[in-house]
Amino acid sequence: MTGTSGADQLLASGSAPIAFDGLAGIDSVSFGKSRAAYTLTHTAGGYSVSDGLVVDTLTNVERLHFADGQWALDLDGHAGLTAKVLGAVFGPSAVSNKEYVGVGLGLLDGNMSYADLVQLALSAKLGANASNAAVVHLLYTNVAGANSPSAVSDEAYFVGLLDSHALTVAELGVLAANTDLNQAHVDLVGLAATGLAFI
């Protein structure tokens, strides 16, 4: 079953295997049972979903809908960006907040830029007029940890970059979100295997 260049909503039959290719756009496949009834496997070409009897293959499919919830698979796309922003701004545990994930996905799927999502998240967390020092402390604490030996000097350095306008708050937020430390904290590799639950 092949999709189009738009956002396609495809349906698994439940009785016969289907090879789905969503092509372009944010595409979803709906399954009739709860998530626990299926095994999701990350493959070289995408994913496979099996209920023990029927195995469907998924290529270029970004979203899965089950009877009891929704999962995002595009950890190299909008789902990954959402996870990184949540980790850097709200802390790694926020990645399990399905409502937060849903908000981030909805905004990115609606063509909001990565930097604008970071700025919105920072404003939601700290308020619209947060000081540069508050922004840096939040990002540094969530990504590197407040007890890092170099925390004081590192934070002063980044505050200086913001004060001098060498970086905008959004640009610094993107840098923080993209660090290997942040990606490890939110377990981006693990999420690629399981998908990211959202509401």
N, C-alpha and C. Protein backbone atom coordinates (compact mmCIF):
# COMPACT_ATOMS: atom_id res chain seq x y z
N MET A 1 0.85 -1.18 0.00
CA MET A 1 0.00 0.00 0.00
C MET A 1 0.89 1.23 0.00
N THR A 2 0.78 2.03 -1.01
CA THR A 2 1.65 3.19 -1.18
C THR A 2 0.87 4.47 -0.95
N GLY A 3 1.48 5.39 -0.21
CA GLY A 3 0.84 6.66 0.08
C GLY A 3 1.09 7.68 -1.01
N THR A 4 0.94 8.93 -0.65
CA THR A 4 1.11 10.04 -1.59
C THR A 4 2.16 10.99 -1.03
N SER A 5 2.26 12.15 -1.63
CA SER A 5 3.21 13.15 -1.13
C SER A 5 2.66 13.91 0.07
N GLY A 6 1.40 13.66 0.42
CA GLY A 6 0.78 14.34 1.55
C GLY A 6 0.81 13.50 2.81
N ALA A 7 0.01 13.92 3.79
CA ALA A 7 -0.11 13.19 5.06
C ALA A 7 -1.18 12.12 4.90
N ASP A 8 -0.76 10.88 4.79
CA ASP A 8 -1.68 9.78 4.53
C ASP A 8 -2.05 9.05 5.81
N GLN A 9 -3.30 8.61 5.90
CA GLN A 9 -3.77 7.80 7.01
C GLN A 9 -4.14 6.43 6.44
N LEU A 10 -3.31 5.45 6.75
CA LEU A 10 -3.44 4.11 6.19
C LEU A 10 -3.94 3.14 7.26
N LEU A 11 -4.55 2.05 6.83
CA LEU A 11 -5.18 1.12 7.76
C LEU A 11 -4.66 -0.29 7.53
N ALA A 12 -4.17 -0.91 8.62
CA ALA A 12 -3.73 -2.31 8.55
C ALA A 12 -4.97 -3.20 8.51
N SER A 13 -4.90 -4.29 7.76
CA SER A 13 -6.08 -5.15 7.61
C SER A 13 -6.29 -6.04 8.82
N GLY A 14 -5.20 -6.44 9.46
CA GLY A 14 -5.31 -7.35 10.59
C GLY A 14 -5.42 -8.80 10.18
N SER A 15 -5.65 -9.08 8.90
CA SER A 15 -5.82 -10.45 8.45
C SER A 15 -4.82 -10.87 7.38
N ALA A 16 -4.19 -9.91 6.75
CA ALA A 16 -3.20 -10.20 5.71
C ALA A 16 -2.07 -9.20 5.81
N PRO A 17 -0.84 -9.64 5.58
CA PRO A 17 0.30 -8.72 5.69
C PRO A 17 0.27 -7.66 4.60
N ILE A 18 0.65 -6.44 4.97
CA ILE A 18 0.71 -5.33 4.02
C ILE A 18 2.09 -4.67 4.12
N ALA A 19 2.65 -4.35 2.98
CA ALA A 19 3.88 -3.56 2.93
C ALA A 19 3.47 -2.11 2.69
N PHE A 20 3.63 -1.28 3.72
CA PHE A 20 3.24 0.12 3.63
C PHE A 20 4.45 0.97 3.24
N ASP A 21 4.24 1.90 2.32
CA ASP A 21 5.24 2.93 2.03
C ASP A 21 4.50 4.26 1.98
N GLY A 22 4.73 5.08 3.00
CA GLY A 22 4.01 6.35 3.08
C GLY A 22 4.53 7.41 2.14
N LEU A 23 5.69 7.19 1.55
CA LEU A 23 6.35 8.19 0.70
C LEU A 23 6.58 9.47 1.50
N ALA A 24 6.28 10.63 0.94
CA ALA A 24 6.56 11.89 1.63
C ALA A 24 5.42 12.23 2.59
N GLY A 25 5.62 13.29 3.38
CA GLY A 25 4.59 13.72 4.32
C GLY A 25 4.66 12.95 5.63
N ILE A 26 3.82 13.37 6.58
CA ILE A 26 3.73 12.70 7.88
C ILE A 26 2.61 11.67 7.78
N ASP A 27 2.99 10.41 7.62
CA ASP A 27 2.03 9.34 7.35
C ASP A 27 1.82 8.46 8.56
N SER A 28 0.60 7.95 8.70
CA SER A 28 0.27 7.10 9.85
C SER A 28 -0.39 5.82 9.39
N VAL A 29 -0.20 4.77 10.19
CA VAL A 29 -0.88 3.50 9.98
C VAL A 29 -1.63 3.16 11.25
N SER A 30 -2.89 2.75 11.10
CA SER A 30 -3.73 2.42 12.25
C SER A 30 -3.87 0.91 12.38
N PHE A 31 -3.76 0.43 13.62
CA PHE A 31 -3.91 -0.98 13.93
C PHE A 31 -5.07 -1.15 14.91
N GLY A 32 -5.77 -2.26 14.82
CA GLY A 32 -7.01 -2.43 15.56
C GLY A 32 -6.89 -2.81 17.01
N LYS A 33 -5.73 -3.33 17.42
CA LYS A 33 -5.58 -3.81 18.80
C LYS A 33 -4.75 -2.83 19.62
N SER A 34 -4.61 -3.12 20.91
CA SER A 34 -3.78 -2.29 21.79
C SER A 34 -2.31 -2.49 21.46
N ARG A 35 -1.48 -1.54 21.87
CA ARG A 35 -0.04 -1.59 21.56
C ARG A 35 0.60 -2.87 22.05
N ALA A 36 0.18 -3.36 23.21
CA ALA A 36 0.80 -4.55 23.80
C ALA A 36 0.58 -5.81 22.96
N ALA A 37 -0.37 -5.78 22.06
CA ALA A 37 -0.66 -6.95 21.24
C ALA A 37 0.32 -7.10 20.07
N TYR A 38 1.18 -6.09 19.88
CA TYR A 38 2.07 -6.09 18.73
C TYR A 38 3.54 -6.04 19.16
N THR A 39 4.37 -6.57 18.29
CA THR A 39 5.81 -6.43 18.44
C THR A 39 6.30 -5.48 17.35
N LEU A 40 6.96 -4.41 17.78
CA LEU A 40 7.50 -3.42 16.86
C LEU A 40 9.00 -3.67 16.72
N THR A 41 9.48 -3.80 15.50
CA THR A 41 10.89 -4.09 15.25
C THR A 41 11.46 -3.05 14.29
N HIS A 42 12.58 -2.45 14.69
CA HIS A 42 13.27 -1.48 13.84
C HIS A 42 14.09 -2.27 12.83
N THR A 43 13.86 -2.05 11.54
CA THR A 43 14.55 -2.78 10.49
C THR A 43 15.43 -1.82 9.68
N ALA A 44 16.20 -2.37 8.76
CA ALA A 44 17.06 -1.55 7.93
C ALA A 44 16.25 -0.58 7.07
N GLY A 45 15.07 -1.00 6.64
CA GLY A 45 14.27 -0.16 5.77
C GLY A 45 13.18 0.63 6.46
N GLY A 46 13.01 0.42 7.75
CA GLY A 46 11.95 1.11 8.49
C GLY A 46 11.56 0.34 9.74
N TYR A 47 10.34 -0.22 9.73
CA TYR A 47 9.85 -0.98 10.88
C TYR A 47 8.99 -2.14 10.39
N SER A 48 8.83 -3.13 11.27
CA SER A 48 7.81 -4.15 11.05
C SER A 48 6.94 -4.21 12.30
N VAL A 49 5.68 -4.52 12.10
CA VAL A 49 4.72 -4.63 13.20
C VAL A 49 4.04 -5.98 13.08
N SER A 50 4.13 -6.78 14.15
CA SER A 50 3.58 -8.13 14.12
C SER A 50 2.66 -8.38 15.31
N ASP A 51 1.54 -9.03 15.06
CA ASP A 51 0.67 -9.46 16.16
C ASP A 51 0.84 -10.94 16.44
N GLY A 52 1.90 -11.53 15.90
CA GLY A 52 2.16 -12.95 16.07
C GLY A 52 1.65 -13.79 14.91
N LEU A 53 0.73 -13.24 14.15
CA LEU A 53 0.17 -13.94 12.99
C LEU A 53 0.45 -13.18 11.69
N VAL A 54 0.24 -11.88 11.74
CA VAL A 54 0.42 -11.04 10.56
C VAL A 54 1.58 -10.07 10.81
N VAL A 55 2.48 -9.97 9.83
CA VAL A 55 3.60 -9.05 9.92
C VAL A 55 3.47 -8.00 8.82
N ASP A 56 3.26 -6.74 9.22
CA ASP A 56 3.22 -5.63 8.28
C ASP A 56 4.57 -4.94 8.27
N THR A 57 5.02 -4.49 7.11
CA THR A 57 6.27 -3.75 7.02
C THR A 57 5.97 -2.28 6.72
N LEU A 58 6.76 -1.40 7.33
CA LEU A 58 6.52 0.03 7.24
C LEU A 58 7.76 0.75 6.73
N THR A 59 7.60 1.51 5.67
CA THR A 59 8.66 2.36 5.13
C THR A 59 8.09 3.76 5.00
N ASN A 60 8.85 4.74 5.43
CA ASN A 60 8.41 6.14 5.36
C ASN A 60 7.08 6.36 6.08
N VAL A 61 6.92 5.68 7.19
CA VAL A 61 5.73 5.85 8.05
C VAL A 61 6.20 6.48 9.35
N GLU A 62 5.58 7.60 9.71
CA GLU A 62 6.04 8.37 10.87
C GLU A 62 5.22 8.15 12.14
N ARG A 63 3.97 7.73 12.00
CA ARG A 63 3.08 7.61 13.16
C ARG A 63 2.34 6.28 13.14
N LEU A 64 2.16 5.71 14.34
CA LEU A 64 1.34 4.51 14.50
C LEU A 64 0.20 4.82 15.45
N HIS A 65 -0.98 4.34 15.10
CA HIS A 65 -2.16 4.51 15.95
C HIS A 65 -2.66 3.12 16.35
N PHE A 66 -2.71 2.89 17.66
CA PHE A 66 -3.24 1.65 18.20
C PHE A 66 -4.53 1.96 18.94
N ALA A 67 -5.22 0.92 19.39
CA ALA A 67 -6.49 1.11 20.07
C ALA A 67 -6.33 1.91 21.36
N ASP A 68 -5.13 1.85 21.95
CA ASP A 68 -4.93 2.51 23.25
C ASP A 68 -3.89 3.63 23.23
N GLY A 69 -3.47 4.07 22.05
CA GLY A 69 -2.50 5.16 22.04
C GLY A 69 -1.81 5.33 20.71
N GLN A 70 -0.94 6.34 20.66
CA GLN A 70 -0.24 6.70 19.43
C GLN A 70 1.26 6.75 19.68
N TRP A 71 2.03 6.38 18.66
CA TRP A 71 3.48 6.38 18.76
C TRP A 71 4.07 7.06 17.52
N ALA A 72 5.13 7.82 17.74
CA ALA A 72 5.86 8.46 16.65
C ALA A 72 7.13 7.67 16.39
N LEU A 73 7.42 7.43 15.13
CA LEU A 73 8.58 6.63 14.74
C LEU A 73 9.71 7.46 14.16
N ASP A 74 9.45 8.70 13.81
CA ASP A 74 10.46 9.50 13.10
C ASP A 74 11.46 10.14 14.07
N LEU A 75 12.24 9.28 14.73
CA LEU A 75 13.25 9.78 15.66
C LEU A 75 14.39 10.47 14.94
N ASP A 76 14.45 10.32 13.62
CA ASP A 76 15.40 11.09 12.83
C ASP A 76 14.74 12.33 12.24
N GLY A 77 13.51 12.60 12.68
CA GLY A 77 12.75 13.75 12.20
C GLY A 77 12.09 14.48 13.35
N HIS A 78 10.80 14.75 13.22
CA HIS A 78 10.10 15.57 14.21
C HIS A 78 10.04 14.94 15.60
N ALA A 79 9.90 13.62 15.67
CA ALA A 79 9.87 12.97 16.99
C ALA A 79 11.21 13.14 17.70
N GLY A 80 12.30 13.00 16.96
CA GLY A 80 13.63 13.17 17.55
C GLY A 80 13.85 14.60 18.01
N LEU A 81 13.44 15.57 17.20
CA LEU A 81 13.59 16.97 17.58
C LEU A 81 12.78 17.27 18.84
N THR A 82 11.56 16.75 18.89
CA THR A 82 10.71 16.96 20.07
C THR A 82 11.36 16.38 21.31
N ALA A 83 11.88 15.17 21.21
CA ALA A 83 12.53 14.54 22.37
C ALA A 83 13.73 15.35 22.84
N LYS A 84 14.52 15.87 21.90
CA LYS A 84 15.71 16.65 22.27
C LYS A 84 15.33 17.96 22.94
N VAL A 85 14.29 18.63 22.43
CA VAL A 85 13.85 19.88 23.04
C VAL A 85 13.32 19.62 24.45
N LEU A 86 12.52 18.60 24.61
CA LEU A 86 11.98 18.29 25.94
C LEU A 86 13.10 17.98 26.92
N GLY A 87 14.09 17.21 26.48
CA GLY A 87 15.19 16.88 27.36
C GLY A 87 15.98 18.08 27.80
N ALA A 88 16.29 18.98 26.86
CA ALA A 88 17.11 20.14 27.18
C ALA A 88 16.37 21.18 28.01
N VAL A 89 15.07 21.36 27.74
CA VAL A 89 14.33 22.45 28.40
C VAL A 89 13.60 21.98 29.65
N PHE A 90 12.98 20.80 29.60
CA PHE A 90 12.17 20.33 30.73
C PHE A 90 12.82 19.19 31.51
N GLY A 91 13.92 18.66 30.99
CA GLY A 91 14.60 17.55 31.64
C GLY A 91 14.24 16.23 30.97
N PRO A 92 15.15 15.25 31.04
CA PRO A 92 14.95 13.98 30.33
C PRO A 92 13.65 13.27 30.64
N SER A 93 13.14 13.40 31.87
CA SER A 93 11.91 12.69 32.22
C SER A 93 10.70 13.21 31.44
N ALA A 94 10.79 14.43 30.90
CA ALA A 94 9.67 15.02 30.15
C ALA A 94 9.39 14.26 28.86
N VAL A 95 10.35 13.47 28.40
CA VAL A 95 10.15 12.70 27.17
C VAL A 95 9.03 11.68 27.34
N SER A 96 8.76 11.29 28.57
CA SER A 96 7.67 10.33 28.82
C SER A 96 6.33 11.02 29.05
N ASN A 97 6.30 12.36 28.98
CA ASN A 97 5.06 13.10 29.11
C ASN A 97 4.37 13.14 27.74
N LYS A 98 3.36 12.29 27.58
CA LYS A 98 2.74 12.12 26.26
C LYS A 98 2.10 13.41 25.75
N GLU A 99 1.58 14.22 26.65
CA GLU A 99 0.96 15.48 26.23
C GLU A 99 2.01 16.45 25.70
N TYR A 100 3.14 16.56 26.40
CA TYR A 100 4.22 17.43 25.93
C TYR A 100 4.72 16.98 24.56
N VAL A 101 4.88 15.66 24.42
CA VAL A 101 5.35 15.12 23.14
C VAL A 101 4.35 15.47 22.03
N GLY A 102 3.06 15.31 22.33
CA GLY A 102 2.02 15.61 21.35
C GLY A 102 2.03 17.06 20.92
N VAL A 103 2.26 17.97 21.88
CA VAL A 103 2.33 19.39 21.55
C VAL A 103 3.50 19.66 20.61
N GLY A 104 4.67 19.14 20.96
CA GLY A 104 5.85 19.34 20.12
C GLY A 104 5.68 18.78 18.73
N LEU A 105 5.16 17.57 18.63
CA LEU A 105 4.94 16.96 17.32
C LEU A 105 3.94 17.77 16.49
N GLY A 106 2.86 18.20 17.13
CA GLY A 106 1.84 18.95 16.42
C GLY A 106 2.39 20.24 15.84
N LEU A 107 3.23 20.93 16.62
CA LEU A 107 3.81 22.19 16.15
C LEU A 107 4.80 21.96 15.01
N LEU A 108 5.66 20.97 15.16
CA LEU A 108 6.63 20.69 14.10
C LEU A 108 5.94 20.16 12.84
N ASP A 109 4.96 19.29 13.02
CA ASP A 109 4.22 18.78 11.87
C ASP A 109 3.47 19.91 11.17
N GLY A 110 3.14 20.95 11.93
CA GLY A 110 2.47 22.12 11.36
C GLY A 110 3.43 23.16 10.82
N ASN A 111 4.69 22.76 10.65
CA ASN A 111 5.73 23.58 10.01
C ASN A 111 6.39 24.61 10.91
N MET A 112 6.25 24.51 12.23
CA MET A 112 7.05 25.36 13.11
C MET A 112 8.51 24.92 12.99
N SER A 113 9.43 25.86 13.04
CA SER A 113 10.85 25.52 12.94
C SER A 113 11.35 24.97 14.27
N TYR A 114 12.45 24.26 14.20
CA TYR A 114 13.11 23.70 15.39
C TYR A 114 13.46 24.82 16.36
N ALA A 115 14.07 25.89 15.86
CA ALA A 115 14.47 27.00 16.73
C ALA A 115 13.26 27.66 17.38
N ASP A 116 12.18 27.81 16.63
CA ASP A 116 10.98 28.42 17.21
C ASP A 116 10.37 27.53 18.29
N LEU A 117 10.45 26.21 18.11
CA LEU A 117 9.95 25.30 19.14
C LEU A 117 10.79 25.42 20.41
N VAL A 118 12.10 25.52 20.24
CA VAL A 118 12.98 25.70 21.40
C VAL A 118 12.63 26.99 22.13
N GLN A 119 12.46 28.08 21.39
CA GLN A 119 12.12 29.36 22.00
C GLN A 119 10.78 29.29 22.73
N LEU A 120 9.80 28.65 22.13
CA LEU A 120 8.48 28.50 22.76
C LEU A 120 8.58 27.68 24.04
N ALA A 121 9.36 26.61 24.00
CA ALA A 121 9.52 25.75 25.18
C ALA A 121 10.21 26.52 26.31
N LEU A 122 11.25 27.29 25.98
CA LEU A 122 11.95 28.07 27.00
C LEU A 122 11.02 29.12 27.62
N SER A 123 10.21 29.76 26.79
CA SER A 123 9.27 30.76 27.30
C SER A 123 8.22 30.11 28.19
N ALA A 124 7.77 28.91 27.81
CA ALA A 124 6.79 28.20 28.62
C ALA A 124 7.37 27.80 29.98
N LYS A 125 8.64 27.42 29.97
CA LYS A 125 9.29 26.96 31.20
C LYS A 125 9.69 28.12 32.11
N LEU A 126 10.27 29.17 31.52
CA LEU A 126 10.88 30.24 32.33
C LEU A 126 10.11 31.56 32.30
N GLY A 127 9.16 31.69 31.38
CA GLY A 127 8.49 32.97 31.20
C GLY A 127 9.11 33.71 30.03
N ALA A 128 8.35 34.61 29.46
CA ALA A 128 8.77 35.28 28.23
C ALA A 128 9.98 36.20 28.43
N ASN A 129 10.19 36.70 29.64
CA ASN A 129 11.25 37.68 29.87
C ASN A 129 12.37 37.13 30.76
N ALA A 130 12.64 35.85 30.64
CA ALA A 130 13.67 35.23 31.47
C ALA A 130 15.04 35.83 31.15
N SER A 131 15.87 35.94 32.16
CA SER A 131 17.22 36.48 31.97
C SER A 131 18.09 35.47 31.23
N ASN A 132 19.14 35.97 30.60
CA ASN A 132 20.08 35.08 29.93
C ASN A 132 20.69 34.08 30.91
N ALA A 133 20.96 34.55 32.11
CA ALA A 133 21.54 33.65 33.13
C ALA A 133 20.58 32.52 33.47
N ALA A 134 19.28 32.82 33.56
CA ALA A 134 18.29 31.79 33.88
C ALA A 134 18.20 30.76 32.75
N VAL A 135 18.24 31.23 31.51
CA VAL A 135 18.19 30.33 30.36
C VAL A 135 19.39 29.40 30.35
N VAL A 136 20.57 29.97 30.52
CA VAL A 136 21.80 29.17 30.50
C VAL A 136 21.80 28.17 31.64
N HIS A 137 21.40 28.59 32.83
CA HIS A 137 21.41 27.68 33.98
C HIS A 137 20.46 26.51 33.75
N LEU A 138 19.29 26.79 33.21
CA LEU A 138 18.33 25.72 32.93
C LEU A 138 18.89 24.72 31.94
N LEU A 139 19.38 25.21 30.81
CA LEU A 139 19.91 24.32 29.77
C LEU A 139 21.12 23.55 30.27
N TYR A 140 22.00 24.25 30.96
CA TYR A 140 23.22 23.59 31.44
C TYR A 140 22.89 22.50 32.46
N THR A 141 21.95 22.80 33.36
CA THR A 141 21.57 21.83 34.38
C THR A 141 20.95 20.59 33.75
N ASN A 142 20.06 20.76 32.79
CA ASN A 142 19.39 19.62 32.17
C ASN A 142 20.31 18.81 31.28
N VAL A 143 21.29 19.46 30.66
CA VAL A 143 22.15 18.75 29.72
C VAL A 143 23.43 18.23 30.38
N ALA A 144 24.11 19.08 31.14
CA ALA A 144 25.40 18.69 31.72
C ALA A 144 25.31 18.33 33.20
N GLY A 145 24.31 18.86 33.87
CA GLY A 145 24.18 18.61 35.31
C GLY A 145 24.71 19.77 36.12
N ALA A 146 23.95 20.17 37.12
CA ALA A 146 24.32 21.34 37.93
C ALA A 146 25.61 21.13 38.71
N ASN A 147 25.97 19.88 38.95
CA ASN A 147 27.16 19.59 39.76
C ASN A 147 28.41 19.37 38.94
N SER A 148 28.36 19.71 37.67
CA SER A 148 29.55 19.60 36.82
C SER A 148 30.65 20.48 37.40
N PRO A 149 31.90 20.00 37.46
CA PRO A 149 32.99 20.79 38.03
C PRO A 149 33.20 22.13 37.36
N SER A 150 32.90 22.21 36.06
CA SER A 150 33.13 23.45 35.34
C SER A 150 31.86 24.27 35.15
N ALA A 151 30.81 23.96 35.92
CA ALA A 151 29.50 24.58 35.70
C ALA A 151 29.56 26.10 35.77
N VAL A 152 30.22 26.64 36.78
CA VAL A 152 30.21 28.10 36.97
C VAL A 152 30.88 28.80 35.79
N SER A 153 32.06 28.33 35.40
CA SER A 153 32.78 28.99 34.30
C SER A 153 32.08 28.75 32.97
N ASP A 154 31.54 27.55 32.77
CA ASP A 154 30.84 27.26 31.53
C ASP A 154 29.59 28.12 31.39
N GLU A 155 28.83 28.23 32.46
CA GLU A 155 27.61 29.03 32.40
C GLU A 155 27.94 30.49 32.12
N ALA A 156 28.99 31.00 32.74
CA ALA A 156 29.40 32.39 32.51
C ALA A 156 29.78 32.61 31.04
N TYR A 157 30.44 31.62 30.46
CA TYR A 157 30.83 31.72 29.05
C TYR A 157 29.60 31.83 28.15
N PHE A 158 28.60 30.97 28.39
CA PHE A 158 27.41 30.98 27.54
C PHE A 158 26.54 32.21 27.78
N VAL A 159 26.49 32.68 29.01
CA VAL A 159 25.78 33.93 29.28
C VAL A 159 26.43 35.07 28.50
N GLY A 160 27.76 35.06 28.45
CA GLY A 160 28.48 36.07 27.69
C GLY A 160 28.13 36.04 26.21
N LEU A 161 27.97 34.84 25.65
CA LEU A 161 27.59 34.72 24.25
C LEU A 161 26.21 35.32 24.00
N LEU A 162 25.29 35.09 24.94
CA LEU A 162 23.95 35.67 24.79
C LEU A 162 23.98 37.18 25.00
N ASP A 163 24.72 37.63 26.01
CA ASP A 163 24.78 39.07 26.29
C ASP A 163 25.38 39.85 25.13
N SER A 164 26.34 39.24 24.44
CA SER A 164 27.01 39.92 23.32
C SER A 164 26.26 39.73 22.00
N HIS A 165 25.17 38.96 22.04
CA HIS A 165 24.37 38.66 20.86
C HIS A 165 25.11 37.82 19.84
N ALA A 166 26.15 37.12 20.28
CA ALA A 166 26.82 36.17 19.40
C ALA A 166 25.89 35.00 19.08
N LEU A 167 25.03 34.69 20.04
CA LEU A 167 24.00 33.66 19.85
C LEU A 167 22.67 34.21 20.37
N THR A 168 21.58 33.77 19.74
CA THR A 168 20.27 34.06 20.31
C THR A 168 19.93 32.96 21.31
N VAL A 169 18.92 33.21 22.11
CA VAL A 169 18.48 32.20 23.07
C VAL A 169 18.07 30.92 22.34
N ALA A 170 17.34 31.08 21.24
CA ALA A 170 16.90 29.90 20.48
C ALA A 170 18.08 29.14 19.91
N GLU A 171 19.09 29.84 19.41
CA GLU A 171 20.27 29.17 18.86
C GLU A 171 21.02 28.40 19.93
N LEU A 172 21.14 29.00 21.12
CA LEU A 172 21.80 28.29 22.21
C LEU A 172 20.99 27.06 22.62
N GLY A 173 19.67 27.22 22.64
CA GLY A 173 18.81 26.08 22.98
C GLY A 173 18.96 24.94 22.00
N VAL A 174 19.06 25.26 20.72
CA VAL A 174 19.26 24.22 19.70
C VAL A 174 20.60 23.53 19.90
N LEU A 175 21.65 24.31 20.18
CA LEU A 175 22.97 23.72 20.44
C LEU A 175 22.92 22.76 21.62
N ALA A 176 22.24 23.18 22.68
CA ALA A 176 22.13 22.34 23.88
C ALA A 176 21.34 21.07 23.57
N ALA A 177 20.24 21.23 22.85
CA ALA A 177 19.39 20.08 22.53
C ALA A 177 20.12 19.07 21.65
N ASN A 178 21.02 19.55 20.79
CA ASN A 178 21.71 18.68 19.85
C ASN A 178 22.94 18.00 20.41
N THR A 179 23.33 18.33 21.64
CA THR A 179 24.55 17.73 22.19
C THR A 179 24.38 16.22 22.36
N ASP A 180 25.51 15.52 22.29
CA ASP A 180 25.49 14.08 22.51
C ASP A 180 24.99 13.75 23.92
N LEU A 181 25.34 14.59 24.89
CA LEU A 181 24.89 14.36 26.26
C LEU A 181 23.36 14.36 26.35
N ASN A 182 22.74 15.35 25.74
CA ASN A 182 21.29 15.44 25.78
C ASN A 182 20.64 14.26 25.07
N GLN A 183 21.19 13.90 23.91
CA GLN A 183 20.63 12.77 23.18
C GLN A 183 20.77 11.47 23.96
N ALA A 184 21.86 11.34 24.71
CA ALA A 184 22.02 10.16 25.56
C ALA A 184 21.04 10.18 26.72
N HIS A 185 20.83 11.37 27.31
CA HIS A 185 19.91 11.48 28.45
C HIS A 185 18.48 11.11 28.08
N VAL A 186 18.06 11.50 26.88
CA VAL A 186 16.69 11.17 26.46
C VAL A 186 16.62 9.80 25.78
N ASP A 187 17.76 9.13 25.66
CA ASP A 187 17.86 7.79 25.06
C ASP A 187 17.30 7.77 23.65
N LEU A 188 17.81 8.65 22.81
CA LEU A 188 17.33 8.76 21.44
C LEU A 188 17.49 7.45 20.67
N VAL A 189 18.58 6.74 20.93
CA VAL A 189 18.81 5.46 20.25
C VAL A 189 17.76 4.44 20.67
N GLY A 190 17.49 4.38 21.97
CA GLY A 190 16.47 3.45 22.46
C GLY A 190 15.09 3.78 21.95
N LEU A 191 14.79 5.08 21.86
CA LEU A 191 13.47 5.50 21.37
C LEU A 191 13.28 5.12 19.91
N ALA A 192 14.37 5.09 19.16
CA ALA A 192 14.27 4.70 17.74
C ALA A 192 13.79 3.27 17.60
N ALA A 193 14.05 2.45 18.62
CA ALA A 193 13.62 1.06 18.58
C ALA A 193 12.19 0.86 19.07
N THR A 194 11.73 1.75 19.93
CA THR A 194 10.40 1.56 20.55
C THR A 194 9.35 2.53 20.04
N GLY A 195 9.78 3.66 19.47
CA GLY A 195 8.86 4.74 19.15
C GLY A 195 8.63 5.62 20.35
N LEU A 196 8.04 6.78 20.13
CA LEU A 196 7.80 7.76 21.17
C LEU A 196 6.31 7.97 21.34
N ALA A 197 5.80 7.62 22.51
CA ALA A 197 4.36 7.70 22.77
C ALA A 197 3.91 9.15 22.89
N PHE A 198 2.73 9.44 22.36
CA PHE A 198 2.22 10.82 22.44
C PHE A 198 0.70 10.82 22.48
N ILE A 199 0.18 11.95 22.94
CA ILE A 199 -1.26 12.19 22.90
C ILE A 199 -1.48 13.41 22.02
